[in-house]
Amino acid sequence: MQTTSMLGPVEKLAKLLADATRVDERIDDVTTALSLIKKRVSESLAQHYVAMKDYRFQMPEDLMKEEQSYERLLQALQDMKAEIAKQIRPVEEQIIRANVDHLRQTFNQEGRRLNKCLEDIDDNILACRQYLQDYERIRSSLHALNEKLCQLGADAIQVPDGLPSADLGDIVRRRIENLRSQGKI
């Protein structure tokens, strides 16, 4: 559901960015063209006044109007560019907020999974304590069976050794060392 709600703004941003790129390209083209026109107008004026014997400076009205219209056109293009940038900003902010929300959600989910792993480890450690109690109970039962065998005249059977410690941490550590020595971990 989160992905579909983000598609609209992403598509909108892509379209706006594409439009902005096209407008930027057109503005650059028009700016270049306007610069060329301004240069030609300036050169024309310079040639006109150099050719004149009378040095009173007076710019022809039509050239002034033409230059002003080019300036207005350039300003309109710059205004359009600013408007597109203004439209893109809220979409970018919306995408950033959605991305932050998604990352926080993912972080929280992963945090819960991590805590679940620790709970499972704790449960297994607690289960180990129960297995150790079962081990001692079964070992005692084997001793009792061995005594009955001996009372009936049979040879005793070797009972596995008891655990070297009653400390759960020490026993788990020794079992881990035993598994390592066997190459199992």
C-alpha atoms as a PDB file:
ATOM      1  CA  MET A   1       0.000   0.000   0.000  1.00  0.00           C
ATOM      2  CA  GLN A   2       2.894   2.360   0.801  1.00  0.00           C
ATOM      3  CA  THR A   3       4.429   1.760  -2.634  1.00  0.00           C
ATOM      4  CA  THR A   4       1.281   2.645  -4.583  1.00  0.00           C
ATOM      5  CA  SER A   5       0.790   5.874  -2.631  1.00  0.00           C
ATOM      6  CA  MET A   6       4.342   6.902  -3.519  1.00  0.00           C
ATOM      7  CA  LEU A   7       3.913   6.218  -7.266  1.00  0.00           C
ATOM      8  CA  GLY A   8       1.745   9.267  -7.859  1.00  0.00           C
ATOM      9  CA  PRO A   9       4.230  11.785  -6.424  1.00  0.00           C
ATOM     10  CA  VAL A  10       7.177  10.014  -8.035  1.00  0.00           C
ATOM     11  CA  GLU A  11       5.551  10.080 -11.459  1.00  0.00           C
ATOM     12  CA  LYS A  12       4.529  13.693 -10.920  1.00  0.00           C
ATOM     13  CA  LEU A  13       8.081  14.629  -9.928  1.00  0.00           C
ATOM     14  CA  ALA A  14       9.524  12.798 -12.944  1.00  0.00           C
ATOM     15  CA  LYS A  15       7.147  14.698 -15.239  1.00  0.00           C
ATOM     16  CA  LEU A  16       7.920  18.030 -13.593  1.00  0.00           C
ATOM     17  CA  LEU A  17      11.652  17.360 -13.741  1.00  0.00           C
ATOM     18  CA  ALA A  18      11.374  16.451 -17.421  1.00  0.00           C
ATOM     19  CA  ASP A  19       9.359  19.626 -18.039  1.00  0.00           C
ATOM     20  CA  ALA A  20      11.896  21.655 -16.075  1.00  0.00           C
ATOM     21  CA  THR A  21      14.723  20.166 -18.111  1.00  0.00           C
ATOM     22  CA  ARG A  22      12.958  20.981 -21.369  1.00  0.00           C
ATOM     23  CA  VAL A  23      12.219  24.531 -20.161  1.00  0.00           C
ATOM     24  CA  ASP A  24      15.852  24.943 -19.057  1.00  0.00           C
ATOM     25  CA  GLU A  25      17.020  23.790 -22.495  1.00  0.00           C
ATOM     26  CA  ARG A  26      14.625  26.179 -24.219  1.00  0.00           C
ATOM     27  CA  ILE A  27      15.621  29.040 -21.929  1.00  0.00           C
ATOM     28  CA  ASP A  28      19.271  28.367 -22.727  1.00  0.00           C
ATOM     29  CA  ASP A  29      18.471  28.301 -26.453  1.00  0.00           C
ATOM     30  CA  VAL A  30      16.464  31.527 -26.232  1.00  0.00           C
ATOM     31  CA  THR A  31      19.152  33.182 -24.089  1.00  0.00           C
ATOM     32  CA  THR A  32      21.766  32.272 -26.664  1.00  0.00           C
ATOM     33  CA  ALA A  33      19.550  33.573 -29.460  1.00  0.00           C
ATOM     34  CA  LEU A  34      18.837  36.779 -27.517  1.00  0.00           C
ATOM     35  CA  SER A  35      22.526  37.283 -26.880  1.00  0.00           C
ATOM     36  CA  LEU A  36      23.206  36.911 -30.588  1.00  0.00           C
ATOM     37  CA  ILE A  37      20.421  39.355 -31.426  1.00  0.00           C
ATOM     38  CA  LYS A  38      21.674  41.837 -28.823  1.00  0.00           C
ATOM     39  CA  LYS A  39      25.168  41.524 -30.245  1.00  0.00           C
ATOM     40  CA  ARG A  40      23.858  42.153 -33.776  1.00  0.00           C
ATOM     41  CA  VAL A  41      21.797  45.116 -32.585  1.00  0.00           C
ATOM     42  CA  SER A  42      24.816  46.547 -30.783  1.00  0.00           C
ATOM     43  CA  GLU A  43      27.027  46.001 -33.826  1.00  0.00           C
ATOM     44  CA  SER A  44      24.389  47.560 -36.049  1.00  0.00           C
ATOM     45  CA  LEU A  45      24.141  50.569 -33.763  1.00  0.00           C
ATOM     46  CA  ALA A  46      27.902  50.886 -33.602  1.00  0.00           C
ATOM     47  CA  GLN A  47      28.201  50.756 -37.387  1.00  0.00           C
ATOM     48  CA  HIS A  48      25.330  53.206 -37.740  1.00  0.00           C
ATOM     49  CA  TYR A  49      26.945  55.777 -35.433  1.00  0.00           C
ATOM     50  CA  VAL A  50      30.434  55.283 -36.853  1.00  0.00           C
ATOM     51  CA  ALA A  51      29.065  55.978 -40.328  1.00  0.00           C
ATOM     52  CA  MET A  52      27.291  59.109 -39.118  1.00  0.00           C
ATOM     53  CA  LYS A  53      29.124  62.383 -39.196  1.00  0.00           C
ATOM     54  CA  ASP A  54      26.875  63.868 -36.536  1.00  0.00           C
ATOM     55  CA  TYR A  55      27.857  62.349 -33.137  1.00  0.00           C
ATOM     56  CA  ARG A  56      24.703  63.142 -31.242  1.00  0.00           C
ATOM     57  CA  PHE A  57      23.640  59.885 -29.655  1.00  0.00           C
ATOM     58  CA  GLN A  58      20.059  58.898 -30.265  1.00  0.00           C
ATOM     59  CA  MET A  59      18.977  55.273 -30.246  1.00  0.00           C
ATOM     60  CA  PRO A  60      16.306  54.398 -32.766  1.00  0.00           C
ATOM     61  CA  GLU A  61      12.992  53.723 -31.072  1.00  0.00           C
ATOM     62  CA  ASP A  62      12.307  50.436 -32.858  1.00  0.00           C
ATOM     63  CA  LEU A  63      15.650  49.003 -31.693  1.00  0.00           C
ATOM     64  CA  MET A  64      14.876  50.004 -28.110  1.00  0.00           C
ATOM     65  CA  LYS A  65      11.432  48.402 -28.307  1.00  0.00           C
ATOM     66  CA  GLU A  66      12.898  45.252 -29.822  1.00  0.00           C
ATOM     67  CA  GLU A  67      15.492  44.980 -27.072  1.00  0.00           C
ATOM     68  CA  GLN A  68      12.812  45.544 -24.398  1.00  0.00           C
ATOM     69  CA  SER A  69      10.605  42.836 -25.900  1.00  0.00           C
ATOM     70  CA  TYR A  70      13.552  40.411 -25.828  1.00  0.00           C
ATOM     71  CA  GLU A  71      14.186  41.334 -22.201  1.00  0.00           C
ATOM     72  CA  ARG A  72      10.500  40.740 -21.360  1.00  0.00           C
ATOM     73  CA  LEU A  73      10.606  37.386 -23.158  1.00  0.00           C
ATOM     74  CA  LEU A  74      13.704  36.368 -21.244  1.00  0.00           C
ATOM     75  CA  GLN A  75      12.086  37.462 -17.960  1.00  0.00           C
ATOM     76  CA  ALA A  76       8.927  35.458 -18.807  1.00  0.00           C
ATOM     77  CA  LEU A  77      11.052  32.387 -19.425  1.00  0.00           C
ATOM     78  CA  GLN A  78      12.871  32.883 -16.122  1.00  0.00           C
ATOM     79  CA  ASP A  79       9.500  33.286 -14.364  1.00  0.00           C
ATOM     80  CA  MET A  80       8.283  30.017 -15.934  1.00  0.00           C
ATOM     81  CA  LYS A  81      11.426  28.264 -14.740  1.00  0.00           C
ATOM     82  CA  ALA A  82      10.901  29.612 -11.192  1.00  0.00           C
ATOM     83  CA  GLU A  83       7.235  28.489 -11.256  1.00  0.00           C
ATOM     84  CA  ILE A  84       8.191  24.951 -12.291  1.00  0.00           C
ATOM     85  CA  ALA A  85      10.815  24.837  -9.514  1.00  0.00           C
ATOM     86  CA  LYS A  86       8.135  26.052  -7.076  1.00  0.00           C
ATOM     87  CA  GLN A  87       5.813  23.220  -8.181  1.00  0.00           C
ATOM     88  CA  ILE A  88       8.561  20.611  -7.895  1.00  0.00           C
ATOM     89  CA  ARG A  89       9.570  21.533  -4.330  1.00  0.00           C
ATOM     90  CA  PRO A  90       6.358  20.270  -2.584  1.00  0.00           C
ATOM     91  CA  VAL A  91       6.488  17.022  -4.561  1.00  0.00           C
ATOM     92  CA  GLU A  92      10.146  16.528  -3.610  1.00  0.00           C
ATOM     93  CA  GLU A  93       9.308  17.218   0.034  1.00  0.00           C
ATOM     94  CA  GLN A  94       6.399  14.765  -0.109  1.00  0.00           C
ATOM     95  CA  ILE A  95       8.667  12.082  -1.566  1.00  0.00           C
ATOM     96  CA  ILE A  96      11.311  12.741   1.069  1.00  0.00           C
ATOM     97  CA  ARG A  97       8.699  12.513   3.856  1.00  0.00           C
ATOM     98  CA  ALA A  98       7.318   9.279   2.403  1.00  0.00           C
ATOM     99  CA  ASN A  99      10.828   7.886   2.124  1.00  0.00           C
ATOM    100  CA  VAL A 100      11.649   8.855   5.724  1.00  0.00           C
ATOM    101  CA  ASP A 101       8.381   7.286   6.932  1.00  0.00           C
ATOM    102  CA  HIS A 102       9.113   4.113   4.983  1.00  0.00           C
ATOM    103  CA  LEU A 103      12.658   3.884   6.352  1.00  0.00           C
ATOM    104  CA  ARG A 104      11.428   4.445   9.919  1.00  0.00           C
ATOM    105  CA  GLN A 105       8.771   1.780   9.446  1.00  0.00           C
ATOM    106  CA  THR A 106      11.353  -0.652   8.077  1.00  0.00           C
ATOM    107  CA  PHE A 107      13.737   0.203  10.923  1.00  0.00           C
ATOM    108  CA  ASN A 108      11.000  -0.456  13.509  1.00  0.00           C
ATOM    109  CA  GLN A 109      10.077  -3.770  11.867  1.00  0.00           C
ATOM    110  CA  GLU A 110      13.710  -4.880  11.801  1.00  0.00           C
ATOM    111  CA  GLY A 111      14.090  -3.769  15.432  1.00  0.00           C
ATOM    112  CA  ARG A 112      11.104  -5.920  16.408  1.00  0.00           C
ATOM    113  CA  ARG A 113      12.608  -8.869  14.485  1.00  0.00           C
ATOM    114  CA  LEU A 114      15.908  -8.353  16.310  1.00  0.00           C
ATOM    115  CA  ASN A 115      14.137  -8.345  19.672  1.00  0.00           C
ATOM    116  CA  LYS A 116      12.286 -11.520  18.650  1.00  0.00           C
ATOM    117  CA  CYS A 117      15.651 -13.178  17.923  1.00  0.00           C
ATOM    118  CA  LEU A 118      16.839 -12.276  21.421  1.00  0.00           C
ATOM    119  CA  GLU A 119      13.617 -13.625  22.908  1.00  0.00           C
ATOM    120  CA  ASP A 120      14.136 -16.889  21.001  1.00  0.00           C
ATOM    121  CA  ILE A 121      17.719 -17.104  22.248  1.00  0.00           C
ATOM    122  CA  ASP A 122      16.485 -16.519  25.801  1.00  0.00           C
ATOM    123  CA  ASP A 123      13.784 -19.171  25.356  1.00  0.00           C
ATOM    124  CA  ASN A 124      16.394 -21.661  24.132  1.00  0.00           C
ATOM    125  CA  ILE A 125      18.661 -20.882  27.086  1.00  0.00           C
ATOM    126  CA  LEU A 126      15.750 -21.437  29.452  1.00  0.00           C
ATOM    127  CA  ALA A 127      14.942 -24.678  27.598  1.00  0.00           C
ATOM    128  CA  CYS A 128      18.589 -25.721  28.118  1.00  0.00           C
ATOM    129  CA  ARG A 129      18.076 -25.419  31.865  1.00  0.00           C
ATOM    130  CA  GLN A 130      15.090 -27.757  31.587  1.00  0.00           C
ATOM    131  CA  TYR A 131      17.164 -30.210  29.502  1.00  0.00           C
ATOM    132  CA  LEU A 132      19.916 -30.107  32.136  1.00  0.00           C
ATOM    133  CA  GLN A 133      17.392 -30.948  34.846  1.00  0.00           C
ATOM    134  CA  ASP A 134      16.091 -33.802  32.663  1.00  0.00           C
ATOM    135  CA  TYR A 135      19.683 -34.997  32.128  1.00  0.00           C
ATOM    136  CA  GLU A 136      20.329 -35.183  35.870  1.00  0.00           C
ATOM    137  CA  ARG A 137      16.970 -36.879  36.536  1.00  0.00           C
ATOM    138  CA  ILE A 138      17.594 -39.519  33.813  1.00  0.00           C
ATOM    139  CA  ARG A 139      21.168 -40.034  35.054  1.00  0.00           C
ATOM    140  CA  SER A 140      19.823 -40.670  38.578  1.00  0.00           C
ATOM    141  CA  SER A 141      17.298 -43.096  37.108  1.00  0.00           C
ATOM    142  CA  LEU A 142      20.139 -44.960  35.326  1.00  0.00           C
ATOM    143  CA  HIS A 143      22.029 -45.251  38.639  1.00  0.00           C
ATOM    144  CA  ALA A 144      18.897 -46.718  40.254  1.00  0.00           C
ATOM    145  CA  LEU A 145      18.522 -49.220  37.395  1.00  0.00           C
ATOM    146  CA  ASN A 146      22.190 -50.154  37.705  1.00  0.00           C
ATOM    147  CA  GLU A 147      21.725 -50.859  41.423  1.00  0.00           C
ATOM    148  CA  LYS A 148      18.794 -53.180  40.653  1.00  0.00           C
ATOM    149  CA  LEU A 149      20.918 -54.987  38.031  1.00  0.00           C
ATOM    150  CA  CYS A 150      23.660 -55.474  40.599  1.00  0.00           C
ATOM    151  CA  GLN A 151      21.135 -56.746  43.193  1.00  0.00           C
ATOM    152  CA  LEU A 152      20.004 -59.337  40.665  1.00  0.00           C
ATOM    153  CA  GLY A 153      23.608 -60.429  40.164  1.00  0.00           C
ATOM    154  CA  ALA A 154      24.207 -58.787  36.772  1.00  0.00           C
ATOM    155  CA  ASP A 155      27.184 -56.661  35.911  1.00  0.00           C
ATOM    156  CA  ALA A 156      26.706 -52.904  36.240  1.00  0.00           C
ATOM    157  CA  ILE A 157      26.514 -50.832  33.089  1.00  0.00           C
ATOM    158  CA  GLN A 158      28.570 -47.681  32.857  1.00  0.00           C
ATOM    159  CA  VAL A 159      26.473 -44.556  33.496  1.00  0.00           C
ATOM    160  CA  PRO A 160      27.539 -41.389  31.665  1.00  0.00           C
ATOM    161  CA  ASP A 161      29.451 -38.901  33.787  1.00  0.00           C
ATOM    162  CA  GLY A 162      27.590 -36.169  35.525  1.00  0.00           C
ATOM    163  CA  LEU A 163      27.942 -32.592  34.458  1.00  0.00           C
ATOM    164  CA  PRO A 164      31.092 -30.920  35.808  1.00  0.00           C
ATOM    165  CA  SER A 165      29.191 -27.901  37.088  1.00  0.00           C
ATOM    166  CA  ALA A 166      25.715 -26.881  38.136  1.00  0.00           C
ATOM    167  CA  ASP A 167      26.202 -23.395  36.609  1.00  0.00           C
ATOM    168  CA  LEU A 168      24.113 -23.066  33.440  1.00  0.00           C
ATOM    169  CA  GLY A 169      26.527 -20.590  31.824  1.00  0.00           C
ATOM    170  CA  ASP A 170      29.515 -22.835  32.485  1.00  0.00           C
ATOM    171  CA  ILE A 171      27.710 -25.907  31.123  1.00  0.00           C
ATOM    172  CA  VAL A 172      26.561 -24.084  27.956  1.00  0.00           C
ATOM    173  CA  ARG A 173      30.111 -22.762  27.422  1.00  0.00           C
ATOM    174  CA  ARG A 174      31.578 -26.283  27.761  1.00  0.00           C
ATOM    175  CA  ARG A 175      28.975 -27.740  25.376  1.00  0.00           C
ATOM    176  CA  ILE A 176      29.825 -25.037  22.824  1.00  0.00           C
ATOM    177  CA  GLU A 177      33.537 -25.904  23.187  1.00  0.00           C
ATOM    178  CA  ASN A 178      32.648 -29.600  22.711  1.00  0.00           C
ATOM    179  CA  LEU A 179      30.696 -28.819  19.514  1.00  0.00           C
ATOM    180  CA  ARG A 180      33.600 -26.702  18.223  1.00  0.00           C
ATOM    181  CA  SER A 181      36.075 -29.486  18.885  1.00  0.00           C
ATOM    182  CA  GLN A 182      33.841 -31.793  16.819  1.00  0.00           C
ATOM    183  CA  GLY A 183      33.770 -29.191  14.020  1.00  0.00           C
ATOM    184  CA  LYS A 184      30.006 -28.730  14.236  1.00  0.00           C
ATOM    185  CA  ILE A 185      30.234 -24.977  14.840  1.00  0.00           C
END
